[in-house]
N, C-alpha and C. Protein backbone atom coordinates (compact mmCIF):
# COMPACT_ATOMS: atom_id res chain seq x y z
N MET A 1 -27.87 75.89 -21.49
CA MET A 1 -26.91 75.15 -20.69
C MET A 1 -25.68 74.80 -21.52
N MET A 2 -25.89 74.43 -22.78
CA MET A 2 -24.74 74.10 -23.62
C MET A 2 -23.81 75.31 -23.75
N ARG A 3 -24.39 76.44 -24.05
CA ARG A 3 -23.59 77.65 -24.25
C ARG A 3 -22.88 78.05 -22.96
N LEU A 4 -23.62 78.07 -21.85
CA LEU A 4 -23.03 78.48 -20.58
C LEU A 4 -21.93 77.51 -20.13
N GLY A 5 -22.19 76.22 -20.27
CA GLY A 5 -21.23 75.22 -19.83
C GLY A 5 -20.00 75.13 -20.71
N GLN A 6 -20.21 75.03 -22.01
CA GLN A 6 -19.09 74.84 -22.91
C GLN A 6 -18.26 76.10 -23.11
N ARG A 7 -18.86 77.27 -22.99
CA ARG A 7 -18.10 78.52 -23.06
C ARG A 7 -17.53 78.92 -21.70
N GLU A 8 -17.85 78.13 -20.68
CA GLU A 8 -17.36 78.36 -19.32
C GLU A 8 -17.69 79.77 -18.83
N THR A 9 -18.91 80.19 -19.07
CA THR A 9 -19.38 81.51 -18.67
C THR A 9 -19.18 81.76 -17.18
N PHE A 10 -19.38 80.73 -16.36
CA PHE A 10 -19.19 80.83 -14.91
C PHE A 10 -17.96 80.06 -14.46
N GLY A 11 -17.02 79.88 -15.36
CA GLY A 11 -15.83 79.08 -15.10
C GLY A 11 -16.08 77.65 -15.53
N PRO A 12 -15.06 76.81 -15.44
CA PRO A 12 -15.24 75.42 -15.83
C PRO A 12 -16.29 74.73 -14.97
N VAL A 13 -17.15 73.96 -15.60
CA VAL A 13 -18.18 73.22 -14.85
C VAL A 13 -17.48 72.16 -14.01
N ARG A 14 -17.67 72.22 -12.71
CA ARG A 14 -17.02 71.29 -11.78
C ARG A 14 -17.97 70.19 -11.31
N HIS A 15 -19.26 70.52 -11.26
CA HIS A 15 -20.23 69.53 -10.79
C HIS A 15 -21.55 69.73 -11.50
N LEU A 16 -22.19 68.61 -11.82
CA LEU A 16 -23.52 68.62 -12.41
C LEU A 16 -24.41 67.71 -11.58
N ALA A 17 -25.70 68.02 -11.57
CA ALA A 17 -26.67 67.17 -10.88
C ALA A 17 -27.95 67.16 -11.68
N ALA A 18 -28.58 66.00 -11.73
CA ALA A 18 -29.85 65.87 -12.45
C ALA A 18 -30.73 64.86 -11.73
N ASP A 19 -32.03 65.13 -11.75
CA ASP A 19 -33.05 64.23 -11.21
C ASP A 19 -34.15 64.13 -12.26
N ASN A 20 -34.73 62.95 -12.36
CA ASN A 20 -35.84 62.76 -13.27
C ASN A 20 -36.63 61.57 -12.76
N SER A 21 -37.87 61.78 -12.36
CA SER A 21 -38.63 60.67 -11.82
C SER A 21 -40.12 60.98 -11.76
N PHE A 22 -40.86 59.92 -11.53
CA PHE A 22 -42.29 60.03 -11.21
C PHE A 22 -42.69 58.75 -10.51
N ARG A 23 -43.82 58.79 -9.85
CA ARG A 23 -44.31 57.62 -9.13
C ARG A 23 -45.17 56.78 -10.07
N LEU A 24 -44.73 55.56 -10.31
CA LEU A 24 -45.47 54.61 -11.12
C LEU A 24 -46.12 53.63 -10.16
N SER A 25 -47.45 53.57 -10.16
CA SER A 25 -48.13 52.72 -9.18
C SER A 25 -48.95 51.58 -9.80
N THR A 26 -49.08 51.60 -11.10
CA THR A 26 -49.83 50.53 -11.77
C THR A 26 -49.00 49.99 -12.93
N PRO A 27 -49.19 48.73 -13.28
CA PRO A 27 -48.43 48.16 -14.39
C PRO A 27 -48.64 48.95 -15.68
N SER A 28 -47.58 49.07 -16.44
CA SER A 28 -47.64 49.72 -17.75
C SER A 28 -46.50 49.16 -18.59
N TRP A 29 -46.39 49.62 -19.81
CA TRP A 29 -45.31 49.19 -20.70
C TRP A 29 -43.95 49.47 -20.09
N ARG A 30 -43.86 50.44 -19.18
CA ARG A 30 -42.58 50.83 -18.60
C ARG A 30 -41.94 49.74 -17.73
N VAL A 31 -42.74 48.82 -17.22
CA VAL A 31 -42.18 47.77 -16.36
C VAL A 31 -41.98 46.45 -17.10
N GLY A 32 -42.23 46.43 -18.38
CA GLY A 32 -41.96 45.25 -19.20
C GLY A 32 -40.68 45.45 -19.99
N ARG A 33 -39.68 44.66 -19.72
CA ARG A 33 -38.36 44.85 -20.35
C ARG A 33 -38.43 44.83 -21.88
N ALA A 34 -39.27 43.98 -22.44
CA ALA A 34 -39.36 43.88 -23.90
C ALA A 34 -39.84 45.18 -24.53
N LEU A 35 -40.76 45.86 -23.89
CA LEU A 35 -41.29 47.11 -24.44
C LEU A 35 -40.50 48.34 -23.98
N SER A 36 -40.03 48.31 -22.75
CA SER A 36 -39.37 49.50 -22.20
C SER A 36 -37.91 49.59 -22.57
N GLY A 37 -37.27 48.47 -22.80
CA GLY A 37 -35.84 48.49 -23.10
C GLY A 37 -34.96 48.51 -21.87
N GLY A 38 -35.54 48.65 -20.67
CA GLY A 38 -34.69 48.59 -19.49
C GLY A 38 -35.04 49.48 -18.33
N GLY A 39 -36.25 49.89 -18.14
CA GLY A 39 -36.63 50.62 -16.95
C GLY A 39 -36.31 52.11 -17.00
N PRO A 40 -36.21 52.75 -15.81
CA PRO A 40 -36.09 54.20 -15.77
C PRO A 40 -34.80 54.75 -16.39
N LEU A 41 -33.73 53.97 -16.42
CA LEU A 41 -32.51 54.46 -17.06
C LEU A 41 -32.75 54.69 -18.55
N MET A 42 -33.34 53.70 -19.21
CA MET A 42 -33.59 53.83 -20.64
C MET A 42 -34.74 54.79 -20.94
N ASP A 43 -35.69 54.90 -20.02
CA ASP A 43 -36.87 55.74 -20.20
C ASP A 43 -36.56 57.21 -19.93
N MET A 44 -36.01 57.50 -18.76
CA MET A 44 -35.82 58.90 -18.33
C MET A 44 -34.37 59.27 -18.10
N GLY A 45 -33.54 58.30 -17.76
CA GLY A 45 -32.14 58.59 -17.45
C GLY A 45 -31.37 59.13 -18.63
N ILE A 46 -31.78 58.75 -19.81
CA ILE A 46 -31.08 59.22 -21.00
C ILE A 46 -31.12 60.74 -21.11
N TYR A 47 -32.16 61.38 -20.58
CA TYR A 47 -32.24 62.84 -20.62
C TYR A 47 -31.20 63.46 -19.68
N CYS A 48 -30.93 62.81 -18.56
CA CYS A 48 -29.87 63.28 -17.66
C CYS A 48 -28.51 63.15 -18.35
N VAL A 49 -28.28 62.02 -18.97
CA VAL A 49 -27.01 61.80 -19.68
C VAL A 49 -26.84 62.85 -20.77
N GLN A 50 -27.88 63.07 -21.55
CA GLN A 50 -27.83 64.06 -22.62
C GLN A 50 -27.52 65.45 -22.07
N GLY A 51 -28.17 65.82 -20.98
CA GLY A 51 -27.92 67.12 -20.37
C GLY A 51 -26.48 67.28 -19.92
N TYR A 52 -25.93 66.24 -19.31
CA TYR A 52 -24.53 66.29 -18.86
C TYR A 52 -23.58 66.46 -20.03
N LEU A 53 -23.76 65.63 -21.05
CA LEU A 53 -22.84 65.65 -22.18
C LEU A 53 -22.91 66.97 -22.93
N TYR A 54 -24.11 67.48 -23.12
CA TYR A 54 -24.26 68.77 -23.81
C TYR A 54 -23.68 69.92 -22.99
N THR A 55 -23.90 69.89 -21.68
CA THR A 55 -23.40 70.98 -20.83
C THR A 55 -21.88 70.96 -20.75
N LYS A 56 -21.29 69.80 -20.53
CA LYS A 56 -19.84 69.70 -20.42
C LYS A 56 -19.14 69.74 -21.76
N GLY A 57 -19.78 69.21 -22.80
CA GLY A 57 -19.10 69.10 -24.08
C GLY A 57 -18.03 68.03 -24.04
N GLN A 58 -18.15 67.10 -23.10
CA GLN A 58 -17.19 66.01 -22.93
C GLN A 58 -17.95 64.72 -22.61
N VAL A 59 -17.29 63.61 -22.83
CA VAL A 59 -17.84 62.33 -22.38
C VAL A 59 -17.14 61.95 -21.09
N PRO A 60 -17.82 61.24 -20.21
CA PRO A 60 -17.18 60.84 -18.95
C PRO A 60 -16.12 59.76 -19.20
N VAL A 61 -15.21 59.65 -18.23
CA VAL A 61 -14.18 58.62 -18.32
C VAL A 61 -14.54 57.40 -17.47
N SER A 62 -15.45 57.58 -16.52
CA SER A 62 -15.90 56.44 -15.72
C SER A 62 -17.28 56.73 -15.14
N VAL A 63 -17.92 55.64 -14.71
CA VAL A 63 -19.25 55.75 -14.10
C VAL A 63 -19.34 54.75 -12.96
N THR A 64 -20.01 55.17 -11.91
CA THR A 64 -20.34 54.30 -10.78
C THR A 64 -21.85 54.37 -10.61
N ALA A 65 -22.50 53.22 -10.43
CA ALA A 65 -23.96 53.21 -10.34
C ALA A 65 -24.44 52.15 -9.36
N GLN A 66 -25.65 52.40 -8.84
CA GLN A 66 -26.28 51.37 -8.02
C GLN A 66 -27.80 51.49 -8.12
N PHE A 67 -28.46 50.33 -8.03
CA PHE A 67 -29.91 50.32 -8.00
C PHE A 67 -30.39 50.85 -6.66
N THR A 68 -31.55 51.46 -6.66
CA THR A 68 -32.17 51.90 -5.41
C THR A 68 -33.01 50.74 -4.85
N PRO A 69 -33.39 50.82 -3.58
CA PRO A 69 -34.24 49.76 -3.03
C PRO A 69 -35.54 49.62 -3.84
N ASN A 70 -36.05 48.41 -3.90
CA ASN A 70 -37.27 48.12 -4.65
C ASN A 70 -38.42 47.95 -3.65
N PRO A 71 -39.25 48.98 -3.47
CA PRO A 71 -40.33 48.88 -2.50
C PRO A 71 -41.53 48.06 -2.98
N GLU A 72 -41.58 47.76 -4.28
CA GLU A 72 -42.71 47.02 -4.84
C GLU A 72 -42.21 45.92 -5.78
N PRO A 73 -41.71 44.81 -5.21
CA PRO A 73 -41.14 43.74 -6.05
C PRO A 73 -42.11 43.15 -7.07
N LYS A 74 -43.40 43.15 -6.79
CA LYS A 74 -44.36 42.62 -7.77
C LYS A 74 -44.45 43.53 -8.99
N LEU A 75 -44.41 44.83 -8.77
CA LEU A 75 -44.50 45.79 -9.88
C LEU A 75 -43.18 45.88 -10.64
N PHE A 76 -42.08 45.92 -9.91
CA PHE A 76 -40.76 46.09 -10.53
C PHE A 76 -39.97 44.78 -10.51
N LYS A 77 -40.56 43.75 -11.10
CA LYS A 77 -39.88 42.45 -11.12
C LYS A 77 -38.99 42.29 -12.35
N ASN A 78 -39.25 43.05 -13.42
CA ASN A 78 -38.47 42.92 -14.65
C ASN A 78 -37.56 44.10 -14.94
N VAL A 79 -37.76 45.19 -14.23
CA VAL A 79 -36.92 46.38 -14.39
C VAL A 79 -36.63 46.95 -13.01
N GLU A 80 -35.60 47.75 -12.92
CA GLU A 80 -35.26 48.38 -11.65
C GLU A 80 -36.27 49.47 -11.29
N ALA A 81 -36.42 49.72 -9.99
CA ALA A 81 -37.33 50.77 -9.52
C ALA A 81 -36.66 52.14 -9.61
N GLY A 82 -35.35 52.16 -9.52
CA GLY A 82 -34.61 53.41 -9.59
C GLY A 82 -33.13 53.15 -9.66
N LEU A 83 -32.39 54.20 -9.94
CA LEU A 83 -30.95 54.08 -10.13
C LEU A 83 -30.29 55.41 -9.76
N ASP A 84 -29.16 55.32 -9.10
CA ASP A 84 -28.31 56.49 -8.84
C ASP A 84 -26.97 56.23 -9.52
N TRP A 85 -26.41 57.27 -10.12
CA TRP A 85 -25.08 57.08 -10.69
C TRP A 85 -24.28 58.37 -10.63
N GLN A 86 -22.96 58.21 -10.78
CA GLN A 86 -22.05 59.35 -10.84
C GLN A 86 -21.09 59.15 -12.00
N PHE A 87 -20.98 60.19 -12.82
CA PHE A 87 -19.98 60.22 -13.88
C PHE A 87 -18.75 60.96 -13.35
N GLN A 88 -17.59 60.54 -13.79
CA GLN A 88 -16.36 61.28 -13.54
C GLN A 88 -15.80 61.67 -14.91
N PHE A 89 -15.39 62.94 -15.01
CA PHE A 89 -14.82 63.45 -16.26
C PHE A 89 -13.31 63.58 -16.12
N ALA A 90 -12.61 63.63 -17.23
CA ALA A 90 -11.15 63.67 -17.23
C ALA A 90 -10.61 64.90 -16.49
N ASP A 91 -11.35 65.99 -16.49
CA ASP A 91 -10.88 67.21 -15.81
C ASP A 91 -11.20 67.23 -14.32
N GLY A 92 -11.74 66.13 -13.78
CA GLY A 92 -12.06 66.04 -12.36
C GLY A 92 -13.50 66.39 -12.01
N ALA A 93 -14.26 66.90 -12.97
CA ALA A 93 -15.66 67.23 -12.71
C ALA A 93 -16.46 65.95 -12.49
N THR A 94 -17.57 66.09 -11.77
CA THR A 94 -18.46 64.95 -11.50
C THR A 94 -19.89 65.33 -11.87
N ALA A 95 -20.70 64.31 -12.10
CA ALA A 95 -22.12 64.50 -12.38
C ALA A 95 -22.89 63.43 -11.62
N ASP A 96 -23.84 63.84 -10.79
CA ASP A 96 -24.66 62.93 -10.00
C ASP A 96 -26.08 62.91 -10.56
N CYS A 97 -26.65 61.71 -10.64
CA CYS A 97 -28.01 61.59 -11.16
C CYS A 97 -28.83 60.65 -10.31
N ARG A 98 -30.12 60.99 -10.18
CA ARG A 98 -31.12 60.13 -9.52
C ARG A 98 -32.30 59.99 -10.46
N ILE A 99 -32.69 58.76 -10.74
CA ILE A 99 -33.91 58.51 -11.51
C ILE A 99 -34.72 57.47 -10.76
N ARG A 100 -36.04 57.63 -10.79
CA ARG A 100 -36.92 56.77 -10.01
C ARG A 100 -38.26 56.57 -10.72
N TYR A 101 -38.83 55.39 -10.50
CA TYR A 101 -40.24 55.14 -10.78
C TYR A 101 -41.02 55.11 -9.47
N THR A 102 -40.40 55.43 -8.36
CA THR A 102 -41.01 55.25 -7.04
C THR A 102 -41.26 56.54 -6.28
N GLU A 103 -40.91 57.68 -6.83
CA GLU A 103 -41.17 58.96 -6.14
C GLU A 103 -41.18 60.09 -7.15
N ASN A 104 -41.79 61.17 -6.75
CA ASN A 104 -41.85 62.36 -7.59
C ASN A 104 -40.74 63.31 -7.19
N LEU A 105 -39.67 63.35 -7.97
CA LEU A 105 -38.61 64.31 -7.78
C LEU A 105 -38.80 65.41 -8.82
N GLU A 106 -38.49 66.62 -8.44
CA GLU A 106 -38.58 67.70 -9.41
C GLU A 106 -37.50 67.51 -10.46
N GLY A 107 -37.90 67.50 -11.72
CA GLY A 107 -36.91 67.36 -12.79
C GLY A 107 -35.95 68.53 -12.78
N ARG A 108 -34.65 68.23 -12.83
CA ARG A 108 -33.69 69.32 -12.81
C ARG A 108 -32.41 68.93 -13.51
N LEU A 109 -31.71 69.94 -13.97
CA LEU A 109 -30.34 69.82 -14.44
C LEU A 109 -29.62 71.04 -13.91
N ARG A 110 -28.61 70.81 -13.08
CA ARG A 110 -27.87 71.89 -12.45
C ARG A 110 -26.40 71.75 -12.77
N ALA A 111 -25.76 72.84 -13.13
CA ALA A 111 -24.33 72.87 -13.37
C ALA A 111 -23.71 73.93 -12.46
N GLU A 112 -22.57 73.61 -11.89
CA GLU A 112 -21.90 74.53 -10.97
C GLU A 112 -20.46 74.78 -11.42
N GLY A 113 -20.07 76.03 -11.40
CA GLY A 113 -18.70 76.43 -11.68
C GLY A 113 -18.20 77.33 -10.57
N PRO A 114 -16.96 77.76 -10.62
CA PRO A 114 -16.41 78.57 -9.54
C PRO A 114 -17.07 79.96 -9.40
N ARG A 115 -17.74 80.42 -10.46
CA ARG A 115 -18.39 81.74 -10.40
C ARG A 115 -19.91 81.64 -10.50
N GLY A 116 -20.46 80.49 -10.18
CA GLY A 116 -21.91 80.36 -10.20
C GLY A 116 -22.39 79.08 -10.79
């Protein structure tokens, strides 16, 4: 992905998308802020961020994010259940990410350019 994205093999990367999640149904270290460091963003979201930065070879200029609904407030009382965010890059490209502790999404990193 780094080579294809940064060398613009399919043209400049205009959009990226990543998902990373699993269903957490019982208490674990992941729902304790002291041990987890901050829920699914710190646990799994960092891999989405890494994929975006490596593929684009750029850092974003802005980010918009929101927490997802919390279907289990007793389980997710100290950390968020999920998060969606979008990065905007200086060249106009965007990157969308979904991370969850509440559903099984297929892990993916997708980059799109004008030629594929």
